[in-house]
Amino acid sequence: TAKKYPYTTIQSGWFWPVMNSYNEPTVDGGGWDAHCGKAPLYYDLDNISPLLRKHHENYFKRVGSVEPDKIGLDFFNGGKLIYPSSRVQLNTPVGGSGLWPINEYCASTVPGLFAAGASCATMTSGARYGGMGMGLSGGMVTGTRAAKGALDYIRSLGDTDTTVTEDTLDRARMNVRAPMDRRGGFEPAWVTQVLQGLMVPYYVLVIKNEERLQATLTLVEFIQEHLVPLMKANNPHEWRMAHETRNMVLNAEMQLRSSLFRTESRGSHFREDYPLRQDPEWLAWTILKDNGGKMDFRKEPIPERQWPDLSRPYEERYPTALPLE
């Protein structure tokens, strides 16, 4: 598949040409090549273009960069460098998931709750990450707007009685203190390790299909129902980790259910059983909402001004190759 496309349309790690063990350019970050047994993957410095070489040479001279020349390390002397397995991916979104803002001040549907940074679904990069270093920019903008929104919300309350009942406080205390009060149970670090062992492998995180997603979801549901309620903390550090792990498990469930809901491939989401982009059916965002403890899903159509030109052939609308295209 990759041979049909020039380097400029193939997503490779950090803009380096990435080659598989058959000396072929990888498709979209290498996840599919690894899936097909063509790992290990390599940064191919022999084939880097003069333009990319100049770009990276200037990059490494910038103040605040790693500046490898100071320790005598030259990335540009040719050859191949192994491509870390941790970078086998189809790219990742920035500002593409999190709480859905209902206004320009990053307010959520929960009164008084505002989101910023990666927690706010701003869609700053569309369906996939557009380049390095954009997260901080989005975080500064949404952080400023969320702060203003929160301040205006507090001012709008005026003399409203916001007294919290003692019963509500007792329930909150019990929920927060539960891991520290529990005498036995599961350590949060172990629960996190189990969760990562399910979610991180490329065949769940990167190359998805219904059977593997559903199998992983079944195990994540078990963690949610059985392990999370029995986590214990021996110290303040584990206390914090217990609550973080609980949130991670919920996030994993949301990711899996969203991936099952979206029956197409687009951006950083690739379904092996639905490998093509489906226009205009899936020119939409996926919205999750809590409904009595159950996740409800709906599509939020993106504005038509952001649609590709549907009169053009598929290959012209989407010149970057996804696997199986």
Protein backbone atom coordinates (compact mmCIF):
# COMPACT_ATOMS: atom_id res chain seq x y z
CA THR A 1 0.00 0.00 0.00
CA ALA A 2 2.71 2.46 0.99
CA LYS A 3 4.46 2.26 -2.36
CA LYS A 4 1.58 4.15 -4.00
CA TYR A 5 2.29 7.23 -1.93
CA PRO A 6 5.29 9.56 -1.76
CA TYR A 7 6.97 10.33 1.56
CA THR A 8 5.09 13.58 1.83
CA THR A 9 1.78 11.76 2.35
CA ILE A 10 2.99 9.12 4.80
CA GLN A 11 2.74 9.91 8.49
CA SER A 12 6.09 9.12 10.07
CA GLY A 13 7.42 9.69 13.53
CA TRP A 14 8.69 13.21 14.14
CA PHE A 15 8.87 13.85 10.37
CA TRP A 16 11.64 11.28 9.86
CA PRO A 17 11.22 8.79 6.99
CA VAL A 18 10.25 5.55 8.75
CA MET A 19 11.07 2.24 7.06
CA ASN A 20 10.05 -1.30 7.92
CA SER A 21 12.32 -4.34 7.95
CA TYR A 22 11.58 -4.88 4.22
CA ASN A 23 13.05 -1.44 3.47
CA GLU A 24 9.62 -0.11 2.52
CA PRO A 25 8.15 3.20 3.75
CA THR A 26 5.65 2.54 6.52
CA VAL A 27 1.96 3.32 6.29
CA ASP A 28 0.73 5.98 8.69
CA GLY A 29 3.22 5.71 11.53
CA GLY A 30 4.06 2.04 11.28
CA GLY A 31 1.27 0.48 13.29
CA TRP A 32 -0.04 -1.44 10.31
CA ASP A 33 3.45 -2.60 9.27
CA ALA A 34 4.04 -3.99 12.75
CA HIS A 35 0.62 -5.66 12.63
CA CYS A 36 1.63 -7.37 9.36
CA GLY A 37 4.89 -8.70 10.85
CA LYS A 38 7.19 -6.16 9.19
CA ALA A 39 8.74 -4.81 12.40
CA PRO A 40 11.29 -3.72 13.52
CA LEU A 41 10.89 -0.22 12.13
CA TYR A 42 13.70 2.25 11.46
CA TYR A 43 14.33 5.94 11.02
CA ASP A 44 15.96 5.94 7.58
CA LEU A 45 18.50 8.77 7.68
CA ASP A 46 19.97 7.82 4.31
CA ASN A 47 16.72 8.81 2.61
CA ILE A 48 15.93 11.99 4.49
CA SER A 49 15.22 14.82 2.05
CA PRO A 50 17.50 17.90 1.97
CA LEU A 51 14.55 20.05 3.12
CA LEU A 52 13.87 17.84 6.15
CA ARG A 53 17.57 17.62 6.94
CA LYS A 54 17.88 21.42 6.98
CA HIS A 55 14.73 21.72 9.09
CA HIS A 56 16.00 19.33 11.75
CA GLU A 57 19.49 20.78 11.78
CA ASN A 58 17.96 24.19 12.54
CA TYR A 59 15.61 22.66 15.08
CA PHE A 60 18.46 21.19 17.11
CA LYS A 61 20.21 24.57 17.18
CA ARG A 62 17.25 26.34 18.77
CA VAL A 63 17.57 27.58 22.33
CA GLY A 64 15.83 25.16 24.63
CA SER A 65 16.13 22.15 22.31
CA VAL A 66 18.17 19.08 23.16
CA GLU A 67 21.22 20.49 21.29
CA PRO A 68 22.88 17.08 20.74
CA ASP A 69 25.92 18.66 19.06
CA LYS A 70 27.11 19.78 22.49
CA ILE A 71 27.73 16.16 23.46
CA GLY A 72 29.10 15.15 20.08
CA LEU A 73 25.95 13.38 18.86
CA ASP A 74 25.22 13.74 15.14
CA PHE A 75 21.83 12.51 13.97
CA PHE A 76 22.64 13.17 10.35
CA ASN A 77 25.55 10.86 9.60
CA GLY A 78 23.37 8.40 7.66
CA GLY A 79 22.19 4.88 8.36
CA LYS A 80 19.18 3.60 10.24
CA LEU A 81 18.08 4.12 13.81
CA ILE A 82 15.62 1.71 15.40
CA TYR A 83 12.14 3.19 15.78
CA PRO A 84 10.94 2.62 19.38
CA SER A 85 7.97 0.28 19.68
CA SER A 86 6.35 2.86 21.93
CA ARG A 87 6.00 5.11 18.87
CA VAL A 88 4.11 2.54 16.78
CA GLN A 89 0.92 4.50 16.33
CA LEU A 90 -1.48 6.09 13.88
CA ASN A 91 -1.01 9.52 15.46
CA THR A 92 -2.97 11.06 18.32
CA PRO A 93 -5.51 13.85 18.59
CA VAL A 94 -4.88 17.10 20.46
CA GLY A 95 -7.89 18.76 22.07
CA GLY A 96 -10.03 16.09 20.47
CA SER A 97 -11.49 14.52 23.59
CA GLY A 98 -12.67 15.62 26.99
CA LEU A 99 -15.58 17.70 28.26
CA TRP A 100 -17.67 19.20 25.47
CA PRO A 101 -17.71 23.03 25.87
CA ILE A 102 -21.13 24.62 25.52
CA ASN A 103 -19.84 28.18 25.09
CA GLU A 104 -16.67 30.13 24.31
CA TYR A 105 -15.70 30.11 27.99
CA CYS A 106 -15.27 26.32 28.14
CA ALA A 107 -18.31 25.72 30.35
CA SER A 108 -19.70 22.19 30.51
CA THR A 109 -23.28 21.00 30.89
CA VAL A 110 -22.64 20.72 34.64
CA PRO A 111 -23.25 24.18 36.19
CA GLY A 112 -20.02 25.60 37.59
CA LEU A 113 -17.77 23.03 35.89
CA PHE A 114 -15.27 24.40 33.35
CA ALA A 115 -12.58 22.55 31.38
CA ALA A 116 -9.21 23.60 29.99
CA GLY A 117 -6.27 22.07 28.17
CA ALA A 118 -6.50 18.42 27.17
CA SER A 119 -9.64 18.07 29.31
CA CYS A 120 -11.57 20.38 26.98
CA ALA A 121 -12.77 19.02 23.63
CA THR A 122 -11.81 22.00 21.50
CA MET A 123 -10.96 20.02 18.32
CA THR A 124 -8.03 22.37 17.77
CA SER A 125 -6.32 19.91 15.44
CA GLY A 126 -9.33 18.28 13.86
CA ALA A 127 -9.23 14.50 13.67
CA ARG A 128 -5.52 14.17 14.32
CA TYR A 129 -2.47 15.98 15.65
CA GLY A 130 -1.27 18.65 13.25
CA GLY A 131 2.29 19.07 14.52
CA MET A 132 4.60 19.31 17.51
CA GLY A 133 4.08 21.72 20.40
CA MET A 134 0.44 22.70 19.99
CA GLY A 135 -0.85 21.41 23.34
CA LEU A 136 0.53 24.29 25.40
CA SER A 137 -0.97 26.86 23.03
CA GLY A 138 -4.43 25.37 23.37
CA GLY A 139 -3.98 25.03 27.12
CA MET A 140 -3.16 28.72 27.50
CA VAL A 141 -6.18 29.81 25.47
CA THR A 142 -8.68 27.47 27.14
CA GLY A 143 -7.15 28.12 30.59
CA THR A 144 -7.67 31.86 30.19
CA ARG A 145 -11.20 31.45 28.89
CA ALA A 146 -12.19 28.89 31.54
CA ALA A 147 -10.86 31.16 34.31
CA LYS A 148 -12.94 34.06 33.02
CA GLY A 149 -15.98 31.84 32.67
CA ALA A 150 -15.61 30.51 36.21
CA LEU A 151 -15.23 34.03 37.60
CA ASP A 152 -18.33 35.25 35.77
CA TYR A 153 -20.25 32.22 37.01
CA ILE A 154 -19.32 32.95 40.63
CA ARG A 155 -20.31 36.59 40.22
CA SER A 156 -23.65 35.56 38.73
CA LEU A 157 -24.54 33.65 41.89
CA GLY A 158 -24.71 36.87 43.88
CA ASP A 159 -26.41 36.22 47.20
CA THR A 160 -27.71 32.82 46.15
CA ASP A 161 -27.71 30.35 49.03
CA THR A 162 -25.05 27.77 48.15
CA THR A 163 -25.05 25.98 51.48
CA VAL A 164 -24.17 22.30 51.19
CA THR A 165 -26.06 19.95 53.49
CA GLU A 166 -24.20 17.89 56.05
CA ASP A 167 -25.49 14.66 54.46
CA THR A 168 -23.96 15.68 51.13
CA LEU A 169 -20.66 16.45 52.81
CA ASP A 170 -20.69 13.09 54.63
CA ARG A 171 -21.23 11.22 51.36
CA ALA A 172 -18.39 13.16 49.71
CA ARG A 173 -16.06 12.45 52.64
CA MET A 174 -16.86 8.72 52.56
CA ASN A 175 -16.24 8.57 48.80
CA VAL A 176 -12.95 10.45 49.00
CA ARG A 177 -11.67 8.66 52.11
CA ALA A 178 -12.72 5.15 51.08
CA PRO A 179 -9.30 3.91 49.86
CA MET A 180 -7.62 5.09 53.07
CA ASP A 181 -10.33 3.61 55.31
CA ARG A 182 -10.20 0.19 53.64
CA ARG A 183 -8.06 -2.34 55.54
CA GLY A 184 -7.58 -4.74 52.63
CA GLY A 185 -7.87 -4.68 48.86
CA PHE A 186 -5.96 -4.00 45.67
CA GLU A 187 -3.09 -1.54 45.36
CA PRO A 188 -3.86 1.17 42.77
CA ALA A 189 -0.45 0.75 41.09
CA TRP A 190 -1.31 -2.88 40.34
CA VAL A 191 -4.78 -2.00 39.02
CA THR A 192 -3.17 0.62 36.77
CA GLN A 193 -0.69 -1.94 35.48
CA VAL A 194 -3.49 -4.38 34.68
CA LEU A 195 -5.43 -1.66 32.85
CA GLN A 196 -2.41 -0.55 30.82
CA GLY A 197 -1.71 -4.16 29.90
CA LEU A 198 -5.15 -4.27 28.29
CA MET A 199 -5.29 -0.83 26.67
CA VAL A 200 -1.74 -0.06 25.51
CA PRO A 201 -1.07 -2.96 23.05
CA TYR A 202 -1.20 -1.70 19.48
CA TYR A 203 -3.96 -4.19 18.55
CA VAL A 204 -6.34 -2.30 20.89
CA LEU A 205 -4.98 1.24 20.92
CA VAL A 206 -3.98 1.54 17.26
CA ILE A 207 -5.31 -1.28 15.07
CA LYS A 208 -8.89 -1.79 16.25
CA ASN A 209 -11.67 -4.19 15.38
CA GLU A 210 -14.97 -5.08 17.00
CA GLU A 211 -13.94 -8.43 18.47
CA ARG A 212 -10.82 -7.12 20.22
CA LEU A 213 -12.52 -3.93 21.37
CA GLN A 214 -15.44 -5.87 22.82
CA ALA A 215 -13.15 -8.40 24.52
CA THR A 216 -11.11 -5.59 26.08
CA LEU A 217 -14.28 -3.77 27.14
CA THR A 218 -15.49 -6.90 28.96
CA LEU A 219 -12.27 -7.00 31.00
CA VAL A 220 -12.33 -3.26 31.65
CA GLU A 221 -15.90 -3.61 32.91
CA PHE A 222 -14.67 -6.29 35.33
CA ILE A 223 -11.98 -3.92 36.59
CA GLN A 224 -14.61 -1.20 36.94
CA GLU A 225 -17.04 -3.39 38.86
CA HIS A 226 -14.71 -5.52 40.99
CA LEU A 227 -11.21 -4.07 41.35
CA VAL A 228 -11.90 -0.32 41.52
CA PRO A 229 -14.32 -0.50 44.50
CA LEU A 230 -11.74 -2.53 46.44
CA MET A 231 -8.66 -0.37 45.95
CA LYS A 232 -6.86 0.53 49.16
CA ALA A 233 -4.27 3.17 50.02
CA ASN A 234 -1.50 2.84 52.61
CA ASN A 235 -0.32 6.44 52.34
CA PRO A 236 -1.32 9.78 50.77
CA HIS A 237 0.54 8.95 47.54
CA GLU A 238 -1.49 5.78 47.01
CA TRP A 239 -4.61 7.67 48.07
CA ARG A 240 -4.15 10.05 45.14
CA MET A 241 -3.32 7.15 42.82
CA ALA A 242 -6.50 5.32 43.78
CA HIS A 243 -8.67 8.18 42.59
CA GLU A 244 -6.55 8.69 39.46
CA THR A 245 -6.80 5.00 38.63
CA ARG A 246 -10.58 5.07 39.04
CA ASN A 247 -10.72 7.92 36.52
CA MET A 248 -8.38 6.07 34.14
CA VAL A 249 -10.64 3.02 34.14
CA LEU A 250 -13.67 5.18 33.36
CA ASN A 251 -11.74 6.91 30.57
CA ALA A 252 -10.72 3.52 29.13
CA GLU A 253 -14.36 2.43 29.05
CA MET A 254 -15.30 5.66 27.27
CA GLN A 255 -12.54 5.19 24.69
CA LEU A 256 -13.54 1.60 23.95
CA ARG A 257 -17.26 2.32 23.67
CA SER A 258 -16.54 5.34 21.45
CA SER A 259 -14.32 3.23 19.21
CA LEU A 260 -17.08 0.62 18.88
CA PHE A 261 -19.66 3.31 18.12
CA ARG A 262 -17.66 4.89 15.30
CA THR A 263 -17.88 2.37 12.46
CA GLU A 264 -15.32 3.95 10.12
CA SER A 265 -11.66 5.03 10.14
CA ARG A 266 -10.61 8.68 10.41
CA GLY A 267 -7.66 10.60 11.83
CA SER A 268 -6.15 8.68 14.73
CA HIS A 269 -9.05 6.19 14.80
CA PHE A 270 -8.50 3.11 12.60
CA ARG A 271 -10.95 0.21 12.48
CA GLU A 272 -9.57 -2.87 10.74
CA ASP A 273 -13.15 -3.98 10.04
CA TYR A 274 -14.18 -0.51 8.77
CA PRO A 275 -10.99 0.76 7.08
CA LEU A 276 -12.46 3.60 4.97
CA ARG A 277 -13.66 7.06 5.87
CA GLN A 278 -17.43 7.24 5.50
CA ASP A 279 -18.64 10.58 4.11
CA PRO A 280 -20.93 12.27 4.91
CA GLU A 281 -22.27 9.81 7.51
CA TRP A 282 -19.32 10.25 9.86
CA LEU A 283 -18.45 13.88 9.26
CA ALA A 284 -19.34 14.27 12.91
CA TRP A 285 -17.99 14.26 16.44
CA THR A 286 -18.93 11.54 18.91
CA ILE A 287 -20.65 12.83 22.04
CA LEU A 288 -21.01 10.72 25.19
CA LYS A 289 -23.43 11.57 27.95
CA ASP A 290 -24.15 9.94 31.30
CA ASN A 291 -27.69 8.65 31.56
CA GLY A 292 -28.22 7.14 34.98
CA GLY A 293 -24.84 5.43 34.95
CA LYS A 294 -25.15 4.32 31.32
CA MET A 295 -23.23 5.92 28.47
CA ASP A 296 -25.43 7.32 25.73
CA PHE A 297 -23.90 8.20 22.35
CA ARG A 298 -24.86 10.61 19.62
CA LYS A 299 -23.27 12.30 16.63
CA GLU A 300 -22.64 16.03 16.55
CA PRO A 301 -22.28 16.98 12.83
CA ILE A 302 -19.29 19.15 12.07
CA PRO A 303 -20.17 22.41 10.23
CA GLU A 304 -20.55 21.84 6.50
CA ARG A 305 -18.01 24.60 5.84
CA GLN A 306 -15.43 22.16 7.26
CA TRP A 307 -16.49 19.27 5.01
CA PRO A 308 -14.18 18.10 2.25
CA ASP A 309 -15.39 18.57 -1.29
CA LEU A 310 -17.58 15.48 -1.71
CA SER A 311 -17.64 15.91 -5.48
CA ARG A 312 -13.93 15.02 -5.64
CA PRO A 313 -12.80 11.37 -5.82
CA TYR A 314 -12.00 9.73 -2.48
CA GLU A 315 -8.25 9.60 -3.20
CA GLU A 316 -8.17 13.35 -3.85
CA ARG A 317 -10.17 14.17 -0.73
CA TYR A 318 -7.82 12.08 1.42
CA PRO A 319 -4.32 11.86 -0.11
CA THR A 320 -2.82 10.40 3.09
CA ALA A 321 -3.04 6.62 3.04
CA LEU A 322 -4.66 4.65 5.81
CA PRO A 323 -4.03 0.89 5.94
CA LEU A 324 -6.17 -1.20 3.55
CA GLU A 325 -7.06 1.82 1.41
